[in-house]
Protein backbone atom coordinates (compact mmCIF):
# COMPACT_ATOMS: atom_id res chain seq x y z
CA UNK A 1 18.58 -7.69 -11.27
CA UNK A 2 14.87 -7.74 -10.50
CA UNK A 3 12.56 -7.37 -13.45
CA UNK A 4 9.46 -6.36 -11.45
CA UNK A 5 9.11 -4.21 -8.32
CA UNK A 6 5.78 -4.16 -6.51
CA UNK A 7 5.02 -1.33 -4.10
CA UNK A 8 2.62 -0.88 -1.27
CA UNK A 9 1.09 2.59 -1.57
CA UNK A 10 0.42 4.21 1.82
CA UNK A 11 3.62 4.53 3.82
CA UNK A 12 5.85 3.60 0.89
CA UNK A 13 5.01 5.87 -2.03
CA UNK A 14 2.38 8.06 -0.38
CA UNK A 15 2.60 9.92 2.93
CA UNK A 16 -1.08 9.77 3.84
CA UNK A 17 -1.23 9.66 7.65
CA UNK A 18 -2.79 13.12 7.96
CA UNK A 19 -5.31 12.28 5.25
CA UNK A 20 -6.28 9.15 7.18
CA UNK A 21 -6.54 11.06 10.45
CA UNK A 22 -8.90 13.67 9.01
CA UNK A 23 -11.04 11.02 7.33
CA UNK A 24 -11.25 9.05 10.57
CA UNK A 25 -12.31 12.20 12.44
CA UNK A 26 -15.26 12.44 10.04
CA UNK A 27 -16.13 8.80 10.76
CA UNK A 28 -16.10 9.53 14.50
CA UNK A 29 -18.46 12.47 14.01
CA UNK A 30 -20.89 10.80 11.62
CA UNK A 31 -21.08 7.21 12.89
CA UNK A 32 -21.26 5.30 16.17
CA UNK A 33 -17.57 4.36 15.96
CA UNK A 34 -15.67 5.30 19.12
CA UNK A 35 -12.28 3.77 18.36
CA UNK A 36 -9.41 6.29 18.42
CA UNK A 37 -7.44 6.96 15.27
CA UNK A 38 -4.41 5.23 16.76
CA UNK A 39 -6.34 1.94 16.91
CA UNK A 40 -7.33 2.25 13.26
CA UNK A 41 -3.89 3.37 12.12
CA UNK A 42 -2.14 0.46 13.84
CA UNK A 43 -3.98 -1.91 11.49
CA UNK A 44 -3.46 -0.19 8.16
CA UNK A 45 -2.17 -2.43 5.43
CA UNK A 46 -5.29 -4.58 5.52
CA UNK A 47 -8.50 -3.95 3.55
CA UNK A 48 -10.88 -1.57 5.36
CA UNK A 49 -13.43 -4.28 6.13
CA UNK A 50 -10.72 -6.45 7.66
CA UNK A 51 -9.63 -3.54 9.85
CA UNK A 52 -13.20 -3.10 11.03
CA UNK A 53 -13.36 -6.78 11.91
CA UNK A 54 -10.12 -6.48 13.90
CA UNK A 55 -11.63 -3.52 15.77
CA UNK A 56 -14.75 -5.55 16.57
CA UNK A 57 -17.02 -3.48 14.32
CA UNK A 58 -19.63 -5.79 12.79
CA UNK A 59 -22.58 -3.54 11.91
CA UNK A 60 -22.98 -0.74 9.35
CA UNK A 61 -19.53 -1.54 7.98
CA UNK A 62 -20.42 -0.53 4.41
CA UNK A 63 -21.84 2.81 5.63
CA UNK A 64 -18.73 3.43 7.71
CA UNK A 65 -16.48 2.55 4.78
CA UNK A 66 -18.37 4.89 2.44
CA UNK A 67 -18.12 7.70 4.98
CA UNK A 68 -14.38 7.16 5.34
CA UNK A 69 -13.70 6.90 1.61
CA UNK A 70 -15.70 10.03 0.81
CA UNK A 71 -13.90 12.02 3.49
CA UNK A 72 -10.54 10.69 2.34
CA UNK A 73 -11.24 11.94 -1.18
CA UNK A 74 -12.18 15.35 0.23
CA UNK A 75 -8.82 15.55 2.04
CA UNK A 76 -6.74 13.95 -0.71
CA UNK A 77 -4.59 17.07 -0.95
CA UNK A 78 -3.27 16.19 2.52
CA UNK A 79 -1.57 13.11 1.04
CA UNK A 80 1.74 13.72 -0.71
CA UNK A 81 4.45 11.53 -2.22
CA UNK A 82 7.45 10.84 -0.05
CA UNK A 83 10.70 12.61 -1.02
CA UNK A 84 12.48 10.88 -3.88
CA UNK A 85 9.51 8.83 -5.08
CA UNK A 86 9.15 10.51 -8.47
CA UNK A 87 12.89 10.39 -9.12
CA UNK A 88 13.30 6.76 -8.06
CA UNK A 89 10.35 5.52 -10.11
CA UNK A 90 11.57 7.44 -13.15
CA UNK A 91 15.00 5.85 -12.79
CA UNK A 92 13.50 2.36 -12.50
CA UNK A 93 11.42 3.02 -15.61
CA UNK A 94 14.52 4.13 -17.52
CA UNK A 95 16.25 0.92 -16.41
CA UNK A 96 13.43 -1.10 -17.98
CA UNK A 97 12.15 -2.40 -14.65
CA UNK A 98 8.44 -3.13 -14.55
CA UNK A 99 6.49 -1.71 -11.62
CA UNK A 100 3.22 -2.48 -9.92
CA UNK A 101 1.18 -1.44 -6.89
CA UNK A 102 -0.41 -3.82 -4.39
CA UNK A 103 -2.42 -1.80 -1.89
CA UNK A 104 -5.32 -2.10 0.51
CA UNK A 105 -6.59 1.30 -0.64
CA UNK A 106 -9.71 1.18 -2.84
CA UNK A 107 -9.34 1.51 -6.61
CA UNK A 108 -10.89 4.99 -7.11
CA UNK A 109 -8.56 6.66 -4.61
CA UNK A 110 -5.60 4.64 -5.84
CA UNK A 111 -6.24 5.75 -9.41
CA UNK A 112 -6.52 9.38 -8.30
CA UNK A 113 -3.16 9.13 -6.54
CA UNK A 114 -1.28 7.26 -9.28
CA UNK A 115 -2.62 9.62 -11.95
CA UNK A 116 -0.27 12.20 -10.46
CA UNK A 117 2.74 10.10 -11.49
CA UNK A 118 4.07 9.91 -15.03
CA UNK A 119 4.70 6.18 -14.63
CA UNK A 120 3.26 3.17 -16.41
CA UNK A 121 2.40 0.46 -13.89
CA UNK A 122 2.17 -3.10 -15.20
CA UNK A 123 -0.41 -3.99 -12.54
CA UNK A 124 -2.43 -2.11 -9.92
CA UNK A 125 -4.05 -4.38 -7.36
CA UNK A 126 -6.69 -3.14 -4.90
CA UNK A 127 -9.34 -4.93 -2.82
CA UNK A 128 -11.98 -6.15 -5.27
CA UNK A 129 -14.02 -8.84 -3.58
CA UNK A 130 -12.50 -11.53 -5.80
CA UNK A 131 -9.22 -12.11 -3.96
CA UNK A 132 -8.15 -11.99 -0.34
CA UNK A 133 -6.36 -8.85 0.80
CA UNK A 134 -2.95 -8.68 2.46
CA UNK A 135 -1.45 -10.51 4.30
CA UNK A 136 -2.78 -13.02 1.76
CA UNK A 137 -0.51 -13.36 -1.29
CA UNK A 138 -3.43 -13.30 -3.74
CA UNK A 139 -2.98 -9.78 -5.15
CA UNK A 140 0.80 -10.17 -5.28
CA UNK A 141 0.42 -13.32 -7.36
CA UNK A 142 -2.09 -11.65 -9.68
CA UNK A 143 0.24 -8.67 -10.11
CA UNK A 144 3.09 -10.96 -11.16
CA UNK A 145 0.80 -12.78 -13.58
CA UNK A 146 -0.34 -9.52 -15.17
CA UNK A 147 3.26 -8.32 -15.46
CA UNK A 148 4.37 -11.66 -16.87
CA UNK A 149 7.16 -12.12 -14.33
CA UNK A 150 8.22 -14.97 -12.03
CA UNK A 151 8.67 -14.80 -8.24
CA UNK A 152 12.45 -15.05 -8.55
CA UNK A 153 12.48 -11.86 -10.62
CA UNK A 154 10.14 -9.88 -8.35
CA UNK A 155 10.66 -7.67 -5.30
CA UNK A 156 7.99 -6.26 -3.00
CA UNK A 157 8.60 -3.03 -1.08
CA UNK A 158 6.33 -2.44 1.90
CA UNK A 159 6.24 -0.89 5.35
CA UNK A 160 3.90 -3.10 7.40
CA UNK A 161 4.12 -6.67 8.64
CA UNK A 162 1.18 -7.54 6.38
CA UNK A 163 3.32 -6.57 3.37
CA UNK A 164 6.14 -8.83 4.50
CA UNK A 165 3.72 -11.69 5.13
CA UNK A 166 2.21 -11.31 1.66
CA UNK A 167 5.68 -11.38 0.10
CA UNK A 168 6.69 -14.42 2.12
CA UNK A 169 3.57 -16.31 1.14
CA UNK A 170 4.09 -15.37 -2.52
CA UNK A 171 7.72 -16.54 -2.22
CA UNK A 172 9.23 -13.28 -3.43
CA UNK A 173 11.96 -11.06 -2.00
CA UNK A 174 10.95 -8.20 0.27
CA UNK A 175 12.53 -4.90 1.31
CA UNK A 176 11.23 -2.65 4.07
CA UNK A 177 10.69 1.10 3.62
CA UNK A 178 12.16 2.60 6.79
CA UNK A 179 10.36 5.91 6.16
CA UNK A 180 6.98 4.18 6.38
CA UNK A 181 4.55 3.49 9.21
CA UNK A 182 5.69 0.10 10.49
CA UNK A 183 8.89 -1.26 11.96
CA UNK A 184 11.09 -3.68 10.01
CA UNK A 185 11.29 -7.25 11.22
CA UNK A 186 14.62 -8.63 12.35
CA UNK A 187 16.89 -9.68 9.48
CA UNK A 188 14.54 -8.05 6.95
CA UNK A 189 16.40 -5.94 4.36
CA UNK A 190 15.51 -2.26 4.73
CA UNK A 191 16.24 1.01 2.94
CA UNK A 192 16.33 4.50 4.42
CA UNK A 193 15.49 6.21 1.14
CA UNK A 194 13.60 5.09 -1.94
CA UNK A 195 16.37 6.68 -3.97
CA UNK A 196 18.52 3.70 -2.93
CA UNK A 197 16.14 1.21 -4.53
CA UNK A 198 17.53 1.22 -8.11
CA UNK A 199 20.97 0.15 -6.86
CA UNK A 200 19.45 -2.31 -4.37
CA UNK A 201 17.72 -4.38 -7.06
CA UNK A 202 20.78 -4.75 -9.27
């Protein structure tokens, strides 16, 4: 049985695609960005600045990020938890399993989202300028250290290839959320519902 489960946020716990789309529309109106939402969305899972670099955006990145984050907060009601999330997390908590979040979403928005859950997370890792973001394993390793658990006792649930890469590099088990935004890799364990997770980790 795993003692610690780490979750990506967007696409695993939180259905936030419409929130992202509306925030990106604001960016398109208020900045010189001309990349379609689909180009941005295909790269989610990485820190915002890394996504901008992948899109070839090298100037006014901080202004663009601030515009996006502000708009995302304004449309936060458009982001909702996937079906079964509250029930599954409550069951894991009752089982004594520690939980953590490793996300590329910034800390203020992450806190606002997680405050809606009656769950105690042992670690919440967001981009902070100190550690590399996913697909680097840095935040995964810090989360395990804060929770006081070893790689052998930890599972990471994600929905993007960057999540899988971070888990691989941290040498922990990984399971793909089929309801998320990315496709599972071949031979990667996957679940169709988060409600199946408590039995999966036993």
